[in-house]
Amino acid sequence: MPSSKGYLDFILDQLSQAEDISHRTMMGEYILYCKGKVFGGIYDDRFLVKPVKAAKALLPDAPLELPYEGAKPMLLVDNVEDKAFLARLVAAMEPELPAPKKR
């Protein structure tokens, strides 16, 4: 089931305190970027992030969930109401994320 534009808009608003956030639509879902690096996405109206060390430290109890069949597991972010926390989460993750691949 594709994610709703309304949920994307909500998450983007919640991420408004984070730096340089962008997104791209892909097959009914939304990939989220920080400074051009993929850090997570919206899948089936769930906010998931890559399980890098910083994310695991800030989300120690977050379950790993599959964004879609065949994908690598990601951490479910359920504390989406706290804008300051989300900004800290993304800022902590960004240095650990791989640089975008050149096309």
C-alpha atoms as a PDB file:
ATOM      1  CA  MET A   1       0.000   0.000   0.000  1.00  0.00           C
ATOM      2  CA  PRO A   2       1.537   3.331  -1.003  1.00  0.00           C
ATOM      3  CA  SER A   3       2.142   5.999   1.593  1.00  0.00           C
ATOM      4  CA  SER A   4      -0.067   9.064   1.704  1.00  0.00           C
ATOM      5  CA  LYS A   5       1.101  12.531   0.706  1.00  0.00           C
ATOM      6  CA  GLY A   6      -0.473  13.745   3.944  1.00  0.00           C
ATOM      7  CA  TYR A   7       1.824  11.554   6.066  1.00  0.00           C
ATOM      8  CA  LEU A   8       4.847  12.703   4.042  1.00  0.00           C
ATOM      9  CA  ASP A   9       3.867  16.337   4.629  1.00  0.00           C
ATOM     10  CA  PHE A  10       3.471  15.648   8.349  1.00  0.00           C
ATOM     11  CA  ILE A  11       6.920  14.019   8.625  1.00  0.00           C
ATOM     12  CA  LEU A  12       8.556  16.785   6.570  1.00  0.00           C
ATOM     13  CA  ASP A  13       7.017  19.343   8.937  1.00  0.00           C
ATOM     14  CA  GLN A  14       8.294  17.348  11.924  1.00  0.00           C
ATOM     15  CA  LEU A  15      11.770  17.359  10.313  1.00  0.00           C
ATOM     16  CA  SER A  16      11.662  21.137   9.794  1.00  0.00           C
ATOM     17  CA  GLN A  17      14.365  21.747  12.426  1.00  0.00           C
ATOM     18  CA  ALA A  18      16.807  19.396  10.658  1.00  0.00           C
ATOM     19  CA  GLU A  19      19.225  20.765   8.052  1.00  0.00           C
ATOM     20  CA  ASP A  20      18.929  20.269   4.294  1.00  0.00           C
ATOM     21  CA  ILE A  21      16.128  17.676   4.163  1.00  0.00           C
ATOM     22  CA  SER A  22      14.732  16.653   0.788  1.00  0.00           C
ATOM     23  CA  HIS A  23      12.702  13.773  -0.580  1.00  0.00           C
ATOM     24  CA  ARG A  24      12.005  11.824  -3.731  1.00  0.00           C
ATOM     25  CA  THR A  25       8.952   9.800  -4.660  1.00  0.00           C
ATOM     26  CA  MET A  26       9.713   6.210  -5.596  1.00  0.00           C
ATOM     27  CA  MET A  27       7.035   3.631  -6.428  1.00  0.00           C
ATOM     28  CA  GLY A  28       4.406   5.154  -4.146  1.00  0.00           C
ATOM     29  CA  GLU A  29       6.809   5.617  -1.244  1.00  0.00           C
ATOM     30  CA  TYR A  30       9.144   8.474  -0.271  1.00  0.00           C
ATOM     31  CA  ILE A  31      12.923   8.383   0.130  1.00  0.00           C
ATOM     32  CA  LEU A  32      14.296  10.972   2.584  1.00  0.00           C
ATOM     33  CA  TYR A  33      17.664  12.681   2.201  1.00  0.00           C
ATOM     34  CA  CYS A  34      19.867  14.824   4.434  1.00  0.00           C
ATOM     35  CA  LYS A  35      22.496  16.817   2.541  1.00  0.00           C
ATOM     36  CA  GLY A  36      21.918  14.534  -0.430  1.00  0.00           C
ATOM     37  CA  LYS A  37      22.448  11.323   1.590  1.00  0.00           C
ATOM     38  CA  VAL A  38      19.658   8.771   2.054  1.00  0.00           C
ATOM     39  CA  PHE A  39      18.824   8.462   5.747  1.00  0.00           C
ATOM     40  CA  GLY A  40      15.361   6.935   5.659  1.00  0.00           C
ATOM     41  CA  GLY A  41      11.963   7.002   4.100  1.00  0.00           C
ATOM     42  CA  ILE A  42       8.218   6.780   4.402  1.00  0.00           C
ATOM     43  CA  TYR A  43       6.976   3.252   3.691  1.00  0.00           C
ATOM     44  CA  ASP A  44       3.332   2.252   4.195  1.00  0.00           C
ATOM     45  CA  ASP A  45       2.880   5.436   6.262  1.00  0.00           C
ATOM     46  CA  ARG A  46       5.744   4.438   8.587  1.00  0.00           C
ATOM     47  CA  PHE A  47       8.832   6.599   9.152  1.00  0.00           C
ATOM     48  CA  LEU A  48      11.872   4.313   8.905  1.00  0.00           C
ATOM     49  CA  VAL A  49      15.572   5.215   9.149  1.00  0.00           C
ATOM     50  CA  LYS A  50      18.777   3.383   8.317  1.00  0.00           C
ATOM     51  CA  PRO A  51      20.121   1.394  11.277  1.00  0.00           C
ATOM     52  CA  VAL A  52      23.453   3.233  11.553  1.00  0.00           C
ATOM     53  CA  LYS A  53      25.249   3.354  14.912  1.00  0.00           C
ATOM     54  CA  ALA A  54      23.916   6.818  15.849  1.00  0.00           C
ATOM     55  CA  ALA A  55      20.322   5.833  15.070  1.00  0.00           C
ATOM     56  CA  LYS A  56      20.620   2.652  17.130  1.00  0.00           C
ATOM     57  CA  ALA A  57      22.002   4.682  20.050  1.00  0.00           C
ATOM     58  CA  LEU A  58      19.175   7.235  19.924  1.00  0.00           C
ATOM     59  CA  LEU A  59      16.469   4.635  19.219  1.00  0.00           C
ATOM     60  CA  PRO A  60      17.625   1.709  21.406  1.00  0.00           C
ATOM     61  CA  ASP A  61      14.177   0.098  21.602  1.00  0.00           C
ATOM     62  CA  ALA A  62      13.080   0.709  18.014  1.00  0.00           C
ATOM     63  CA  PRO A  63      12.062  -2.434  16.162  1.00  0.00           C
ATOM     64  CA  LEU A  64      13.673  -3.341  12.849  1.00  0.00           C
ATOM     65  CA  GLU A  65      11.102  -3.458  10.075  1.00  0.00           C
ATOM     66  CA  LEU A  66      11.238  -4.159   6.377  1.00  0.00           C
ATOM     67  CA  PRO A  67      10.317  -1.162   4.247  1.00  0.00           C
ATOM     68  CA  TYR A  68       9.265  -3.575   1.481  1.00  0.00           C
ATOM     69  CA  GLU A  69       9.854  -7.232   0.667  1.00  0.00           C
ATOM     70  CA  GLY A  70      13.471  -7.964  -0.180  1.00  0.00           C
ATOM     71  CA  ALA A  71      14.817  -4.769   1.404  1.00  0.00           C
ATOM     72  CA  LYS A  72      17.245  -4.426   4.284  1.00  0.00           C
ATOM     73  CA  PRO A  73      15.604  -3.858   7.682  1.00  0.00           C
ATOM     74  CA  MET A  74      15.297  -0.303   8.964  1.00  0.00           C
ATOM     75  CA  LEU A  75      14.488   1.211  12.356  1.00  0.00           C
ATOM     76  CA  LEU A  76      10.913   2.305  12.980  1.00  0.00           C
ATOM     77  CA  VAL A  77      10.734   5.836  14.375  1.00  0.00           C
ATOM     78  CA  ASP A  78       7.648   6.152  16.529  1.00  0.00           C
ATOM     79  CA  ASN A  79       8.616   9.347  18.386  1.00  0.00           C
ATOM     80  CA  VAL A  80       7.548  11.537  15.470  1.00  0.00           C
ATOM     81  CA  GLU A  81       5.965  14.247  17.637  1.00  0.00           C
ATOM     82  CA  ASP A  82       9.301  15.615  18.961  1.00  0.00           C
ATOM     83  CA  LYS A  83      10.806  17.916  16.303  1.00  0.00           C
ATOM     84  CA  ALA A  84      13.954  18.625  18.326  1.00  0.00           C
ATOM     85  CA  PHE A  85      14.607  14.898  18.792  1.00  0.00           C
ATOM     86  CA  LEU A  86      14.131  14.222  15.083  1.00  0.00           C
ATOM     87  CA  ALA A  87      16.570  17.019  14.218  1.00  0.00           C
ATOM     88  CA  ARG A  88      19.142  15.515  16.630  1.00  0.00           C
ATOM     89  CA  LEU A  89      18.570  12.056  15.172  1.00  0.00           C
ATOM     90  CA  VAL A  90      19.170  13.155  11.585  1.00  0.00           C
ATOM     91  CA  ALA A  91      22.176  15.321  12.535  1.00  0.00           C
ATOM     92  CA  ALA A  92      23.753  12.405  14.405  1.00  0.00           C
ATOM     93  CA  MET A  93      23.137  10.004  11.514  1.00  0.00           C
ATOM     94  CA  GLU A  94      24.380  12.215   8.680  1.00  0.00           C
ATOM     95  CA  PRO A  95      28.159  11.752   9.210  1.00  0.00           C
ATOM     96  CA  GLU A  96      27.712   7.959   9.187  1.00  0.00           C
ATOM     97  CA  LEU A  97      25.738   7.860   5.932  1.00  0.00           C
ATOM     98  CA  PRO A  98      27.475   6.960   2.668  1.00  0.00           C
ATOM     99  CA  ALA A  99      27.975   9.714   0.118  1.00  0.00           C
ATOM    100  CA  PRO A 100      25.542   9.694  -2.792  1.00  0.00           C
ATOM    101  CA  LYS A 101      26.601   7.504  -5.700  1.00  0.00           C
ATOM    102  CA  LYS A 102      27.673   9.314  -8.860  1.00  0.00           C
ATOM    103  CA  ARG A 103      25.523   8.623 -11.898  1.00  0.00           C
END
